[in-house]
Amino acid sequence: MLEAAASGQGVALARSRLADLELASGRLVRLFETTLPTDQVYYLVYPPAHAERPAVKAFCDWALDLPMPD
């Protein structure tokens, strides 16, 4: 979705943590400063056999290192 917006195909409604790099690089800009509070929860799920895969571990490490709201 962010890639589509960055390539000019429309706008995206995205979590700020996921869009921060695109915003910082200038590939995307905010349409307005309004933010929407959310109480959504996300789970990292994968088949047990994939738990030791480097890509799975790297993604989980990245996601768990994201700053959490207060």
N, C-alpha and C. Protein backbone atom coordinates (compact mmCIF):
# COMPACT_ATOMS: atom_id res chain seq x y z
N MET A 1 0.82 -1.17 0.00
CA MET A 1 0.00 0.00 0.00
C MET A 1 0.87 1.25 0.00
N LEU A 2 1.91 1.29 0.85
CA LEU A 2 2.80 2.45 0.88
C LEU A 2 3.55 2.60 -0.43
N GLU A 3 3.97 1.49 -0.99
CA GLU A 3 4.69 1.54 -2.27
C GLU A 3 3.78 2.07 -3.37
N ALA A 4 2.52 1.66 -3.36
CA ALA A 4 1.58 2.16 -4.36
C ALA A 4 1.40 3.67 -4.22
N ALA A 5 1.27 4.15 -2.99
CA ALA A 5 1.14 5.60 -2.78
C ALA A 5 2.40 6.33 -3.22
N ALA A 6 3.56 5.77 -2.89
CA ALA A 6 4.83 6.41 -3.25
C ALA A 6 5.03 6.46 -4.76
N SER A 7 4.43 5.51 -5.48
CA SER A 7 4.58 5.51 -6.94
C SER A 7 3.47 6.29 -7.65
N GLY A 8 2.66 7.02 -6.85
CA GLY A 8 1.67 7.90 -7.44
C GLY A 8 0.32 7.28 -7.75
N GLN A 9 0.03 6.11 -7.18
CA GLN A 9 -1.22 5.43 -7.48
C GLN A 9 -2.37 5.83 -6.55
N GLY A 10 -2.13 6.71 -5.61
CA GLY A 10 -3.19 7.12 -4.70
C GLY A 10 -2.63 7.50 -3.35
N VAL A 11 -3.50 7.52 -2.36
CA VAL A 11 -3.08 7.84 -1.00
C VAL A 11 -3.17 6.58 -0.15
N ALA A 12 -2.52 6.60 1.00
CA ALA A 12 -2.53 5.45 1.89
C ALA A 12 -2.87 5.89 3.31
N LEU A 13 -3.65 5.10 3.98
CA LEU A 13 -3.89 5.26 5.41
C LEU A 13 -3.03 4.20 6.08
N ALA A 14 -2.02 4.64 6.83
CA ALA A 14 -1.05 3.69 7.36
C ALA A 14 -0.67 4.05 8.79
N ARG A 15 -0.22 3.06 9.51
CA ARG A 15 0.31 3.28 10.85
C ARG A 15 1.60 4.08 10.71
N SER A 16 1.78 5.04 11.60
CA SER A 16 2.94 5.92 11.49
C SER A 16 4.25 5.15 11.56
N ARG A 17 4.31 4.12 12.38
CA ARG A 17 5.55 3.34 12.49
C ARG A 17 5.94 2.70 11.17
N LEU A 18 4.95 2.34 10.38
CA LEU A 18 5.25 1.70 9.11
C LEU A 18 5.60 2.71 8.02
N ALA A 19 5.14 3.94 8.18
CA ALA A 19 5.38 4.97 7.16
C ALA A 19 6.53 5.90 7.51
N ASP A 20 7.08 5.81 8.71
CA ASP A 20 8.11 6.76 9.15
C ASP A 20 9.29 6.87 8.20
N LEU A 21 9.80 5.76 7.70
CA LEU A 21 10.97 5.82 6.80
C LEU A 21 10.62 6.51 5.49
N GLU A 22 9.46 6.20 4.95
CA GLU A 22 9.03 6.84 3.70
C GLU A 22 8.81 8.33 3.91
N LEU A 23 8.27 8.72 5.05
CA LEU A 23 8.07 10.13 5.36
C LEU A 23 9.41 10.84 5.53
N ALA A 24 10.32 10.21 6.25
CA ALA A 24 11.64 10.81 6.50
C ALA A 24 12.43 10.99 5.21
N SER A 25 12.27 10.05 4.28
CA SER A 25 13.02 10.12 3.02
C SER A 25 12.39 11.10 2.03
N GLY A 26 11.16 11.52 2.30
CA GLY A 26 10.48 12.42 1.38
C GLY A 26 9.70 11.71 0.28
N ARG A 27 9.72 10.38 0.27
CA ARG A 27 8.95 9.64 -0.74
C ARG A 27 7.46 9.82 -0.54
N LEU A 28 7.05 10.02 0.72
CA LEU A 28 5.65 10.28 1.05
C LEU A 28 5.58 11.53 1.92
N VAL A 29 4.46 12.21 1.87
CA VAL A 29 4.21 13.35 2.76
C VAL A 29 2.84 13.15 3.40
N ARG A 30 2.69 13.72 4.60
CA ARG A 30 1.40 13.66 5.28
C ARG A 30 0.43 14.60 4.59
N LEU A 31 -0.80 14.16 4.44
CA LEU A 31 -1.83 15.03 3.88
C LEU A 31 -2.28 16.05 4.92
N PHE A 32 -2.28 15.64 6.19
CA PHE A 32 -2.64 16.53 7.30
C PHE A 32 -2.06 15.93 8.57
N GLU A 33 -2.03 16.70 9.64
CA GLU A 33 -1.38 16.28 10.88
C GLU A 33 -2.27 15.46 11.81
N THR A 34 -3.51 15.26 11.45
CA THR A 34 -4.43 14.51 12.30
C THR A 34 -3.98 13.06 12.42
N THR A 35 -4.00 12.53 13.62
CA THR A 35 -3.72 11.11 13.83
C THR A 35 -4.97 10.45 14.40
N LEU A 36 -5.08 9.17 14.19
CA LEU A 36 -6.21 8.41 14.69
C LEU A 36 -5.74 7.46 15.78
N PRO A 37 -6.29 7.57 16.98
CA PRO A 37 -5.90 6.63 18.04
C PRO A 37 -6.40 5.23 17.69
N THR A 38 -5.68 4.25 18.13
CA THR A 38 -6.09 2.87 17.87
C THR A 38 -5.76 2.00 19.07
N ASP A 39 -6.56 1.01 19.27
CA ASP A 39 -6.28 0.04 20.33
C ASP A 39 -6.09 -1.34 19.72
N GLN A 40 -5.74 -1.36 18.43
CA GLN A 40 -5.54 -2.63 17.75
C GLN A 40 -4.29 -3.33 18.27
N VAL A 41 -4.34 -4.63 18.22
CA VAL A 41 -3.22 -5.46 18.63
C VAL A 41 -2.79 -6.28 17.42
N TYR A 42 -1.50 -6.42 17.26
CA TYR A 42 -0.96 -7.22 16.17
C TYR A 42 -0.20 -8.40 16.75
N TYR A 43 -0.27 -9.53 16.07
CA TYR A 43 0.43 -10.73 16.49
C TYR A 43 1.42 -11.13 15.42
N LEU A 44 2.58 -11.57 15.84
CA LEU A 44 3.56 -12.15 14.91
C LEU A 44 3.30 -13.65 14.90
N VAL A 45 2.88 -14.17 13.78
CA VAL A 45 2.58 -15.60 13.68
C VAL A 45 3.33 -16.20 12.50
N TYR A 46 3.73 -17.44 12.66
CA TYR A 46 4.44 -18.16 11.62
C TYR A 46 4.40 -19.63 11.97
N PRO A 47 4.60 -20.51 10.99
CA PRO A 47 4.63 -21.94 11.28
C PRO A 47 5.81 -22.26 12.20
N PRO A 48 5.62 -23.15 13.16
CA PRO A 48 6.72 -23.50 14.07
C PRO A 48 7.99 -23.92 13.35
N ALA A 49 7.86 -24.58 12.22
CA ALA A 49 9.04 -25.04 11.48
C ALA A 49 9.86 -23.88 10.93
N HIS A 50 9.30 -22.68 10.86
CA HIS A 50 10.00 -21.52 10.32
C HIS A 50 10.64 -20.65 11.39
N ALA A 51 10.49 -21.01 12.64
CA ALA A 51 10.94 -20.17 13.74
C ALA A 51 12.43 -19.85 13.69
N GLU A 52 13.23 -20.75 13.18
CA GLU A 52 14.68 -20.53 13.16
C GLU A 52 15.20 -19.94 11.85
N ARG A 53 14.32 -19.67 10.93
CA ARG A 53 14.76 -19.07 9.66
C ARG A 53 15.29 -17.66 9.91
N PRO A 54 16.43 -17.31 9.34
CA PRO A 54 16.99 -15.98 9.56
C PRO A 54 16.03 -14.84 9.20
N ALA A 55 15.30 -14.98 8.12
CA ALA A 55 14.38 -13.90 7.73
C ALA A 55 13.25 -13.73 8.75
N VAL A 56 12.75 -14.84 9.27
CA VAL A 56 11.69 -14.77 10.29
C VAL A 56 12.23 -14.14 11.56
N LYS A 57 13.41 -14.57 11.98
CA LYS A 57 14.01 -14.00 13.19
C LYS A 57 14.29 -12.51 13.01
N ALA A 58 14.80 -12.13 11.84
CA ALA A 58 15.11 -10.71 11.59
C ALA A 58 13.84 -9.87 11.62
N PHE A 59 12.76 -10.36 11.01
CA PHE A 59 11.52 -9.60 11.02
C PHE A 59 10.97 -9.47 12.43
N CYS A 60 10.98 -10.56 13.18
CA CYS A 60 10.48 -10.51 14.56
C CYS A 60 11.32 -9.55 15.41
N ASP A 61 12.62 -9.60 15.27
CA ASP A 61 13.49 -8.68 16.01
C ASP A 61 13.18 -7.23 15.65
N TRP A 62 13.01 -6.97 14.35
CA TRP A 62 12.68 -5.61 13.91
C TRP A 62 11.35 -5.16 14.50
N ALA A 63 10.32 -5.99 14.40
CA ALA A 63 9.00 -5.61 14.89
C ALA A 63 9.00 -5.40 16.40
N LEU A 64 9.70 -6.23 17.12
CA LEU A 64 9.74 -6.10 18.58
C LEU A 64 10.56 -4.90 19.04
N ASP A 65 11.43 -4.39 18.19
CA ASP A 65 12.23 -3.21 18.53
C ASP A 65 11.52 -1.89 18.22
N LEU A 66 10.36 -1.95 17.57
CA LEU A 66 9.63 -0.72 17.27
C LEU A 66 9.20 -0.03 18.57
N PRO A 67 9.25 1.28 18.61
CA PRO A 67 8.81 1.98 19.82
C PRO A 67 7.32 1.77 20.04
N MET A 68 6.95 1.54 21.27
CA MET A 68 5.55 1.34 21.63
C MET A 68 4.97 2.63 22.20
N PRO A 69 3.69 2.89 21.93
CA PRO A 69 3.07 4.10 22.50
C PRO A 69 2.96 4.00 24.01
N ASP A 70 2.94 5.15 24.65
CA ASP A 70 2.80 5.17 26.11
C ASP A 70 1.39 4.82 26.53
